[in-house]
């Protein structure tokens, strides 16, 4: 049986491995794989084939709608009328919202990620007997595993 788990790269991982070795799991049956961090910056603008779920136009559309209502309302008293001022409010609100989202995802989110120090995680694979699997899983959970999974495989 194989037990898979993920850990943050920390002392808890080392403690879990040493505790597994003390409880009868041989070094040859423990395999730790560190994941590498992204080297390139995330793209903010999506293509037709690649989208990451971040929308730079959502705040722009909301602000564009709000500013168009305000512009059209005020436009009744201004020279160009409500239609032109509604369109000017829509354009101005959309551009303002787009700039806010662009600034937020480009600078604020990036700095939050750097301050948090998000390191790559480590995948730990433990090969053990079926009778040991519950003990191995309990050890991994006790040492703050982010997630675990058990897979039974047939020996041929």
C-alpha atoms as a PDB file:
ATOM      1  CA  UNK A   1       0.000   0.000   0.000  1.00  0.00           C
ATOM      2  CA  UNK A   2       1.177   3.525  -0.695  1.00  0.00           C
ATOM      3  CA  UNK A   3       0.295   6.551   1.401  1.00  0.00           C
ATOM      4  CA  UNK A   4       0.658   9.931  -0.314  1.00  0.00           C
ATOM      5  CA  UNK A   5       0.727  13.196   1.598  1.00  0.00           C
ATOM      6  CA  UNK A   6       1.642  16.817   1.062  1.00  0.00           C
ATOM      7  CA  UNK A   7       3.558  19.011   3.486  1.00  0.00           C
ATOM      8  CA  UNK A   8       4.874  22.531   3.651  1.00  0.00           C
ATOM      9  CA  UNK A   9       8.638  22.555   3.499  1.00  0.00           C
ATOM     10  CA  UNK A  10       9.266  22.712   7.279  1.00  0.00           C
ATOM     11  CA  UNK A  11      10.673  20.887  10.274  1.00  0.00           C
ATOM     12  CA  UNK A  12       7.368  19.021  10.651  1.00  0.00           C
ATOM     13  CA  UNK A  13       8.178  17.075   7.505  1.00  0.00           C
ATOM     14  CA  UNK A  14      11.560  16.002   8.909  1.00  0.00           C
ATOM     15  CA  UNK A  15       9.932  15.026  12.194  1.00  0.00           C
ATOM     16  CA  UNK A  16       7.312  12.965  10.381  1.00  0.00           C
ATOM     17  CA  UNK A  17       9.973  11.106   8.392  1.00  0.00           C
ATOM     18  CA  UNK A  18      12.065  10.347  11.478  1.00  0.00           C
ATOM     19  CA  UNK A  19       8.954   9.239  13.400  1.00  0.00           C
ATOM     20  CA  UNK A  20       8.011   6.899  10.529  1.00  0.00           C
ATOM     21  CA  UNK A  21      11.492   5.398  10.610  1.00  0.00           C
ATOM     22  CA  UNK A  22      11.222   4.844  14.386  1.00  0.00           C
ATOM     23  CA  UNK A  23       7.929   2.990  13.843  1.00  0.00           C
ATOM     24  CA  UNK A  24       9.305   0.417  11.421  1.00  0.00           C
ATOM     25  CA  UNK A  25       9.142   2.068   8.001  1.00  0.00           C
ATOM     26  CA  UNK A  26      12.490   1.663   6.230  1.00  0.00           C
ATOM     27  CA  UNK A  27      14.243   4.617   4.566  1.00  0.00           C
ATOM     28  CA  UNK A  28      13.945   2.890   1.205  1.00  0.00           C
ATOM     29  CA  UNK A  29      10.143   3.011   1.510  1.00  0.00           C
ATOM     30  CA  UNK A  30       9.952   6.781   2.111  1.00  0.00           C
ATOM     31  CA  UNK A  31      10.147   9.086  -0.890  1.00  0.00           C
ATOM     32  CA  UNK A  32       9.965  12.891  -0.599  1.00  0.00           C
ATOM     33  CA  UNK A  33       9.556  15.044  -3.700  1.00  0.00           C
ATOM     34  CA  UNK A  34       9.895  18.841  -3.401  1.00  0.00           C
ATOM     35  CA  UNK A  35       7.811  20.854  -5.831  1.00  0.00           C
ATOM     36  CA  UNK A  36       9.475  23.778  -7.581  1.00  0.00           C
ATOM     37  CA  UNK A  37       8.167  27.340  -7.420  1.00  0.00           C
ATOM     38  CA  UNK A  38       6.957  29.203 -10.482  1.00  0.00           C
ATOM     39  CA  UNK A  39       9.862  31.021 -12.079  1.00  0.00           C
ATOM     40  CA  UNK A  40       7.888  33.283 -14.402  1.00  0.00           C
ATOM     41  CA  UNK A  41       5.385  35.931 -13.433  1.00  0.00           C
ATOM     42  CA  UNK A  42       1.691  35.131 -13.901  1.00  0.00           C
ATOM     43  CA  UNK A  43       0.144  36.679 -16.970  1.00  0.00           C
ATOM     44  CA  UNK A  44      -2.622  39.121 -16.207  1.00  0.00           C
ATOM     45  CA  UNK A  45      -4.188  39.130 -19.651  1.00  0.00           C
ATOM     46  CA  UNK A  46      -5.824  35.887 -20.747  1.00  0.00           C
ATOM     47  CA  UNK A  47      -5.801  34.453 -24.236  1.00  0.00           C
ATOM     48  CA  UNK A  48      -8.587  32.552 -25.915  1.00  0.00           C
ATOM     49  CA  UNK A  49      -6.928  29.243 -24.959  1.00  0.00           C
ATOM     50  CA  UNK A  50      -5.720  30.092 -21.462  1.00  0.00           C
ATOM     51  CA  UNK A  51      -7.692  31.657 -18.612  1.00  0.00           C
ATOM     52  CA  UNK A  52      -6.741  31.717 -14.936  1.00  0.00           C
ATOM     53  CA  UNK A  53      -9.978  32.960 -13.383  1.00  0.00           C
ATOM     54  CA  UNK A  54      -8.741  36.478 -12.623  1.00  0.00           C
ATOM     55  CA  UNK A  55     -10.962  39.107 -14.198  1.00  0.00           C
ATOM     56  CA  UNK A  56      -9.614  42.589 -14.727  1.00  0.00           C
ATOM     57  CA  UNK A  57     -12.927  43.916 -16.029  1.00  0.00           C
ATOM     58  CA  UNK A  58     -15.313  42.996 -13.194  1.00  0.00           C
ATOM     59  CA  UNK A  59     -14.631  46.122 -11.131  1.00  0.00           C
ATOM     60  CA  UNK A  60     -14.604  48.177 -14.334  1.00  0.00           C
ATOM     61  CA  UNK A  61     -18.052  46.992 -15.354  1.00  0.00           C
ATOM     62  CA  UNK A  62     -19.469  47.644 -11.891  1.00  0.00           C
ATOM     63  CA  UNK A  63     -17.978  51.132 -11.701  1.00  0.00           C
ATOM     64  CA  UNK A  64     -18.959  51.800 -15.325  1.00  0.00           C
ATOM     65  CA  UNK A  65     -22.573  50.956 -14.532  1.00  0.00           C
ATOM     66  CA  UNK A  66     -22.614  53.105 -11.406  1.00  0.00           C
ATOM     67  CA  UNK A  67     -20.917  56.052 -13.105  1.00  0.00           C
ATOM     68  CA  UNK A  68     -23.233  55.820 -16.115  1.00  0.00           C
ATOM     69  CA  UNK A  69     -26.295  56.108 -13.869  1.00  0.00           C
ATOM     70  CA  UNK A  70     -24.779  59.077 -12.055  1.00  0.00           C
ATOM     71  CA  UNK A  71     -23.639  60.655 -15.344  1.00  0.00           C
ATOM     72  CA  UNK A  72     -27.043  60.234 -16.953  1.00  0.00           C
ATOM     73  CA  UNK A  73     -28.774  61.685 -13.894  1.00  0.00           C
ATOM     74  CA  UNK A  74     -26.513  64.704 -13.781  1.00  0.00           C
ATOM     75  CA  UNK A  75     -26.611  64.979 -17.575  1.00  0.00           C
ATOM     76  CA  UNK A  76     -30.188  66.264 -17.483  1.00  0.00           C
ATOM     77  CA  UNK A  77     -28.822  69.523 -16.094  1.00  0.00           C
ATOM     78  CA  UNK A  78     -25.666  69.706 -18.246  1.00  0.00           C
ATOM     79  CA  UNK A  79     -25.235  70.930 -21.788  1.00  0.00           C
ATOM     80  CA  UNK A  80     -24.586  67.662 -23.658  1.00  0.00           C
ATOM     81  CA  UNK A  81     -27.534  65.822 -22.139  1.00  0.00           C
ATOM     82  CA  UNK A  82     -27.980  62.522 -20.309  1.00  0.00           C
ATOM     83  CA  UNK A  83     -26.916  60.165 -23.118  1.00  0.00           C
ATOM     84  CA  UNK A  84     -23.483  61.670 -23.653  1.00  0.00           C
ATOM     85  CA  UNK A  85     -22.810  62.052 -19.931  1.00  0.00           C
ATOM     86  CA  UNK A  86     -24.015  58.487 -19.326  1.00  0.00           C
ATOM     87  CA  UNK A  87     -21.539  57.235 -21.938  1.00  0.00           C
ATOM     88  CA  UNK A  88     -18.762  59.406 -20.487  1.00  0.00           C
ATOM     89  CA  UNK A  89     -19.564  58.001 -17.016  1.00  0.00           C
ATOM     90  CA  UNK A  90     -19.489  54.450 -18.382  1.00  0.00           C
ATOM     91  CA  UNK A  91     -16.101  54.938 -20.024  1.00  0.00           C
ATOM     92  CA  UNK A  92     -14.604  56.744 -17.045  1.00  0.00           C
ATOM     93  CA  UNK A  93     -15.906  54.171 -14.555  1.00  0.00           C
ATOM     94  CA  UNK A  94     -14.682  51.266 -16.646  1.00  0.00           C
ATOM     95  CA  UNK A  95     -11.194  52.747 -17.026  1.00  0.00           C
ATOM     96  CA  UNK A  96     -11.013  53.552 -13.298  1.00  0.00           C
ATOM     97  CA  UNK A  97     -12.109  50.013 -12.345  1.00  0.00           C
ATOM     98  CA  UNK A  98      -9.667  48.440 -14.787  1.00  0.00           C
ATOM     99  CA  UNK A  99      -6.799  50.493 -13.355  1.00  0.00           C
ATOM    100  CA  UNK A 100      -7.806  49.543  -9.794  1.00  0.00           C
ATOM    101  CA  UNK A 101      -7.867  45.807 -10.670  1.00  0.00           C
ATOM    102  CA  UNK A 102      -4.600  46.045 -12.588  1.00  0.00           C
ATOM    103  CA  UNK A 103      -2.881  47.752  -9.662  1.00  0.00           C
ATOM    104  CA  UNK A 104      -4.345  45.267  -7.172  1.00  0.00           C
ATOM    105  CA  UNK A 105      -3.267  42.105  -9.005  1.00  0.00           C
ATOM    106  CA  UNK A 106       0.069  43.483 -10.220  1.00  0.00           C
ATOM    107  CA  UNK A 107       1.365  44.995  -6.975  1.00  0.00           C
ATOM    108  CA  UNK A 108      -0.771  44.209  -3.924  1.00  0.00           C
ATOM    109  CA  UNK A 109      -1.301  40.470  -4.533  1.00  0.00           C
ATOM    110  CA  UNK A 110       2.315  39.977  -5.582  1.00  0.00           C
ATOM    111  CA  UNK A 111       3.600  41.659  -2.406  1.00  0.00           C
ATOM    112  CA  UNK A 112       1.235  39.594  -0.238  1.00  0.00           C
ATOM    113  CA  UNK A 113       2.581  36.398  -1.779  1.00  0.00           C
ATOM    114  CA  UNK A 114       6.186  37.511  -1.220  1.00  0.00           C
ATOM    115  CA  UNK A 115       5.513  38.556   2.399  1.00  0.00           C
ATOM    116  CA  UNK A 116       3.803  35.293   3.228  1.00  0.00           C
ATOM    117  CA  UNK A 117       6.839  33.425   1.952  1.00  0.00           C
ATOM    118  CA  UNK A 118       4.842  30.724   0.272  1.00  0.00           C
ATOM    119  CA  UNK A 119       7.352  27.976  -0.329  1.00  0.00           C
ATOM    120  CA  UNK A 120       6.724  25.019  -2.492  1.00  0.00           C
ATOM    121  CA  UNK A 121       5.136  22.013  -0.916  1.00  0.00           C
ATOM    122  CA  UNK A 122       6.617  18.547  -0.644  1.00  0.00           C
ATOM    123  CA  UNK A 123       4.914  15.337  -1.703  1.00  0.00           C
ATOM    124  CA  UNK A 124       5.730  12.442   0.627  1.00  0.00           C
ATOM    125  CA  UNK A 125       5.150   8.884  -0.573  1.00  0.00           C
ATOM    126  CA  UNK A 126       5.340   6.090   1.987  1.00  0.00           C
ATOM    127  CA  UNK A 127       5.336   2.466   0.843  1.00  0.00           C
ATOM    128  CA  UNK A 128       4.033   0.239   3.656  1.00  0.00           C
ATOM    129  CA  UNK A 129       2.020  -2.847   4.510  1.00  0.00           C
ATOM    130  CA  UNK A 130      -1.751  -2.563   4.628  1.00  0.00           C
ATOM    131  CA  UNK A 131      -1.680  -3.147   8.396  1.00  0.00           C
ATOM    132  CA  UNK A 132       0.651  -0.169   8.855  1.00  0.00           C
ATOM    133  CA  UNK A 133      -1.318   2.266   6.694  1.00  0.00           C
ATOM    134  CA  UNK A 134      -3.520   3.635   9.478  1.00  0.00           C
ATOM    135  CA  UNK A 135      -0.497   4.154  11.725  1.00  0.00           C
ATOM    136  CA  UNK A 136       1.379   5.932   8.916  1.00  0.00           C
ATOM    137  CA  UNK A 137      -1.609   8.159   8.152  1.00  0.00           C
ATOM    138  CA  UNK A 138      -2.012   9.073  11.829  1.00  0.00           C
ATOM    139  CA  UNK A 139       1.678  10.001  12.060  1.00  0.00           C
ATOM    140  CA  UNK A 140       1.391  12.204   8.970  1.00  0.00           C
ATOM    141  CA  UNK A 141      -1.722  13.961  10.284  1.00  0.00           C
ATOM    142  CA  UNK A 142      -0.056  14.446  13.679  1.00  0.00           C
ATOM    143  CA  UNK A 143       2.857  16.205  11.968  1.00  0.00           C
ATOM    144  CA  UNK A 144       0.583  18.655  10.102  1.00  0.00           C
ATOM    145  CA  UNK A 145       0.187  17.076   6.686  1.00  0.00           C
ATOM    146  CA  UNK A 146      -1.846  19.252   4.342  1.00  0.00           C
ATOM    147  CA  UNK A 147      -3.566  16.219   2.843  1.00  0.00           C
ATOM    148  CA  UNK A 148      -3.220  12.433   2.606  1.00  0.00           C
ATOM    149  CA  UNK A 149      -4.368   9.647   0.300  1.00  0.00           C
ATOM    150  CA  UNK A 150      -4.038   5.851   0.423  1.00  0.00           C
ATOM    151  CA  UNK A 151      -3.685   3.688  -2.646  1.00  0.00           C
ATOM    152  CA  UNK A 152      -3.775  -0.083  -2.602  1.00  0.00           C
ATOM    153  CA  UNK A 153      -1.905  -1.717  -5.413  1.00  0.00           C
ATOM    154  CA  UNK A 154      -1.797  -5.351  -6.437  1.00  0.00           C
ATOM    155  CA  UNK A 155       1.547  -7.133  -6.194  1.00  0.00           C
ATOM    156  CA  UNK A 156       2.240  -9.277  -9.244  1.00  0.00           C
END
